[in-house]
Amino acid sequence: MDKKQFRQRQIEQLRQLSPDVKARLEEQIMERFFEQTAVSTAKNVAITLSQKFELNTAPIIRRLQERKISVLVPKTFENRRMEFVSLTSQTQLAPQAFGILEPVDGVPVAPTALDLIVVPGLAYEQTGGNRLGFGGGYYDRYLKRAPQAHKIVLAFNQQVYPAAHWPVDQFDVTMDLIITEQGVQFKNERIR
């Protein structure tokens, strides 16, 4: 199965989760996320504003902000370029490509200032931390500019596989930690 077909399959599976089950699993994943030392020691966390079928990041963002952790969200530009800007109560958001909410303006933060990046995607594998994203390459390009940041995945267990069921390219960036409702599914030596 090629990447495009596998992505469609993953999106359909996510859309089939009932709202009640999805909310329960999201709560479990969020609790496991906040148990991580990499999270409790972070000062600047980059995270997406999720789409409806994805794991809901709004409660995670609220809790990070309650803990006085700086939250940054992606803003896309031409040529598949992405930067992260601060998300505050004054940030104006508007739907951009694919209907995803993004900040209307804001000053990009240097990639080297990020401690942790919550990386979205559709599928992950447990042996090497490989990720299947949405196909734009935005995150793979950005992550290479922020090598110091911990790359953490929050996913439903159904998105995680023992081995990649999709072609892995040499430019794909591997993750540091994969967390599901069942706990840590992958952890590399960089994570304490």
Protein backbone atom coordinates (compact mmCIF):
# COMPACT_ATOMS: atom_id res chain seq x y z
CA MET A 1 0.00 0.00 0.00
CA ASP A 2 1.44 3.39 -0.93
CA LYS A 3 1.52 6.36 1.44
CA LYS A 4 -1.50 8.09 -0.08
CA GLN A 5 -3.70 5.00 0.29
CA PHE A 6 -2.44 4.33 3.80
CA ARG A 7 -3.15 7.95 4.82
CA GLN A 8 -6.74 7.67 3.59
CA ARG A 9 -7.21 4.43 5.49
CA GLN A 10 -5.88 6.01 8.68
CA ILE A 11 -8.13 9.07 8.36
CA GLU A 12 -11.19 6.86 7.85
CA GLN A 13 -10.32 4.80 10.94
CA LEU A 14 -9.97 7.97 13.01
CA ARG A 15 -13.30 9.31 11.75
CA GLN A 16 -15.00 6.09 12.88
CA LEU A 17 -14.12 6.63 16.55
CA SER A 18 -17.28 7.51 18.46
CA PRO A 19 -17.13 10.91 20.23
CA ASP A 20 -17.46 9.30 23.68
CA VAL A 21 -14.69 6.76 23.10
CA LYS A 22 -12.48 9.39 21.50
CA ALA A 23 -12.91 11.77 24.46
CA ARG A 24 -12.08 9.01 26.97
CA LEU A 25 -8.94 7.97 25.06
CA GLU A 26 -7.84 11.61 24.68
CA GLU A 27 -8.06 12.10 28.44
CA GLN A 28 -5.89 9.02 29.04
CA ILE A 29 -3.32 10.16 26.46
CA MET A 30 -3.20 13.65 27.96
CA GLU A 31 -2.55 12.25 31.45
CA ARG A 32 0.32 10.11 30.15
CA PHE A 33 1.75 13.12 28.28
CA PHE A 34 1.85 15.24 31.43
CA GLU A 35 3.61 12.44 33.34
CA GLN A 36 6.69 12.84 31.13
CA THR A 37 9.78 14.63 32.48
CA ALA A 38 10.35 16.22 29.07
CA VAL A 39 6.97 17.94 29.46
CA SER A 40 7.37 19.05 33.07
CA THR A 41 10.76 20.63 32.32
CA ALA A 42 9.73 22.33 29.05
CA LYS A 43 9.40 26.09 28.78
CA ASN A 44 8.40 26.36 25.10
CA VAL A 45 6.09 23.74 23.60
CA ALA A 46 5.02 23.67 19.94
CA ILE A 47 1.70 21.96 19.23
CA THR A 48 -0.92 22.00 16.48
CA LEU A 49 -4.48 23.20 16.60
CA SER A 50 -6.09 19.88 15.79
CA GLN A 51 -8.63 19.00 13.13
CA LYS A 52 -11.88 17.38 14.23
CA PHE A 53 -10.81 13.78 13.43
CA GLU A 54 -7.42 14.17 15.15
CA LEU A 55 -6.64 13.90 18.84
CA ASN A 56 -8.08 17.09 20.38
CA THR A 57 -5.18 19.32 21.43
CA ALA A 58 -7.32 22.11 23.01
CA PRO A 59 -7.34 20.61 26.55
CA ILE A 60 -3.59 19.99 26.35
CA ILE A 61 -2.98 23.58 25.26
CA ARG A 62 -5.11 24.90 28.15
CA ARG A 63 -3.23 22.80 30.70
CA LEU A 64 0.17 23.86 29.30
CA GLN A 65 -0.87 27.51 29.55
CA GLU A 66 -2.20 27.00 33.09
CA ARG A 67 1.27 25.72 33.98
CA LYS A 68 2.78 28.91 32.51
CA ILE A 69 4.42 26.99 29.66
CA SER A 70 4.71 29.01 26.46
CA VAL A 71 2.55 27.43 23.74
CA LEU A 72 3.45 27.92 20.09
CA VAL A 73 1.34 26.90 17.11
CA PRO A 74 2.22 26.51 13.43
CA LYS A 75 1.76 29.11 10.76
CA THR A 76 2.38 28.02 7.16
CA PHE A 77 3.92 30.02 4.35
CA GLU A 78 4.66 29.57 0.65
CA ASN A 79 6.96 26.77 -0.51
CA ARG A 80 5.73 24.42 2.24
CA ARG A 81 7.48 26.42 4.92
CA MET A 82 6.24 26.48 8.50
CA GLU A 83 7.11 28.53 11.58
CA PHE A 84 5.76 28.54 15.12
CA VAL A 85 4.28 31.63 16.76
CA SER A 86 3.04 32.22 20.32
CA LEU A 87 -0.55 31.37 21.13
CA THR A 88 -2.05 33.76 23.67
CA SER A 89 -5.53 35.00 24.49
CA GLN A 90 -4.93 37.84 22.00
CA THR A 91 -3.91 35.60 19.09
CA GLN A 92 -6.32 35.87 16.17
CA LEU A 93 -6.90 32.58 14.36
CA ALA A 94 -8.31 31.94 10.89
CA PRO A 95 -8.78 28.81 8.77
CA GLN A 96 -5.99 28.30 6.24
CA ALA A 97 -5.07 25.35 4.04
CA PHE A 98 -7.34 22.33 4.56
CA GLY A 99 -9.44 24.40 7.01
CA ILE A 100 -6.80 24.23 9.74
CA LEU A 101 -6.79 27.16 12.15
CA GLU A 102 -3.59 29.22 12.12
CA PRO A 103 -2.52 32.52 13.66
CA VAL A 104 -3.29 35.47 11.39
CA ASP A 105 -0.01 37.12 12.37
CA GLY A 106 2.69 36.83 15.01
CA VAL A 107 6.45 36.79 15.19
CA PRO A 108 8.00 33.37 14.49
CA VAL A 109 10.02 31.90 17.33
CA ALA A 110 13.48 30.54 16.48
CA PRO A 111 13.41 26.75 16.08
CA THR A 112 16.31 26.53 18.56
CA ALA A 113 14.09 28.08 21.28
CA LEU A 114 11.70 25.11 21.33
CA ASP A 115 12.06 22.48 24.05
CA LEU A 116 9.36 20.12 22.82
CA ILE A 117 7.32 19.67 19.65
CA VAL A 118 4.11 17.64 19.68
CA VAL A 119 4.22 16.23 16.16
CA PRO A 120 0.97 15.34 14.39
CA GLY A 121 0.57 12.47 11.97
CA LEU A 122 -1.51 9.52 10.91
CA ALA A 123 0.59 6.45 11.72
CA TYR A 124 3.67 5.56 13.75
CA GLU A 125 5.87 2.55 14.26
CA GLN A 126 7.38 1.23 17.46
CA THR A 127 10.77 -0.06 16.37
CA GLY A 128 12.39 3.17 15.20
CA GLY A 129 9.92 5.96 15.88
CA ASN A 130 9.00 6.47 12.22
CA ARG A 131 6.00 8.63 11.42
CA LEU A 132 3.60 8.93 8.52
CA GLY A 133 2.50 12.56 8.29
CA PHE A 134 -0.13 14.20 6.14
CA GLY A 135 2.08 14.40 3.06
CA GLY A 136 3.09 18.05 2.92
CA GLY A 137 6.55 17.65 4.40
CA TYR A 138 6.11 20.72 6.62
CA TYR A 139 7.11 18.96 9.83
CA ASP A 140 10.01 16.94 8.41
CA ARG A 141 11.54 20.17 7.07
CA TYR A 142 10.94 22.06 10.31
CA LEU A 143 12.16 19.32 12.65
CA LYS A 144 15.57 19.33 10.97
CA ARG A 145 15.89 22.97 12.04
CA ALA A 146 15.10 22.13 15.70
CA PRO A 147 17.31 19.13 16.52
CA GLN A 148 17.41 19.99 20.25
CA ALA A 149 13.62 19.82 20.68
CA HIS A 150 12.06 16.60 21.91
CA LYS A 151 9.73 15.24 19.22
CA ILE A 152 6.70 13.71 20.94
CA VAL A 153 3.73 11.99 19.34
CA LEU A 154 0.30 11.73 20.96
CA ALA A 155 -1.73 9.07 19.18
CA PHE A 156 -4.49 6.56 19.57
CA ASN A 157 -3.22 3.02 19.95
CA GLN A 158 -4.82 2.07 16.60
CA GLN A 159 -2.36 4.45 14.88
CA VAL A 160 0.74 2.62 16.16
CA TYR A 161 2.25 -0.40 14.41
CA PRO A 162 5.13 -2.77 15.31
CA ALA A 163 6.70 -1.98 11.91
CA ALA A 164 6.00 0.59 9.20
CA HIS A 165 3.19 -0.44 6.85
CA TRP A 166 4.17 2.41 4.51
CA PRO A 167 7.37 3.30 2.67
CA VAL A 168 9.82 5.17 4.93
CA ASP A 169 11.91 7.77 3.10
CA GLN A 170 15.44 8.80 4.06
CA PHE A 171 14.31 12.40 4.70
CA ASP A 172 11.63 11.32 7.22
CA VAL A 173 12.53 12.49 10.73
CA THR A 174 12.09 9.92 13.51
CA MET A 175 10.28 10.71 16.74
CA ASP A 176 11.67 10.61 20.28
CA LEU A 177 8.56 9.44 22.12
CA ILE A 178 5.23 7.93 21.08
CA ILE A 179 2.44 8.01 23.67
CA THR A 180 -0.98 6.36 23.37
CA GLU A 181 -3.78 5.66 25.82
CA GLN A 182 -1.87 2.48 26.73
CA GLY A 183 1.28 4.41 27.68
CA VAL A 184 4.66 4.90 26.03
CA GLN A 185 4.90 2.87 22.81
CA PHE A 186 8.34 4.08 21.72
CA LYS A 187 11.10 5.96 23.50
CA ASN A 188 14.59 6.71 22.26
CA GLU A 189 17.66 7.38 24.37
CA ARG A 190 17.29 11.18 24.10
CA ILE A 191 14.24 11.19 26.38
CA ARG A 192 14.75 11.13 30.13
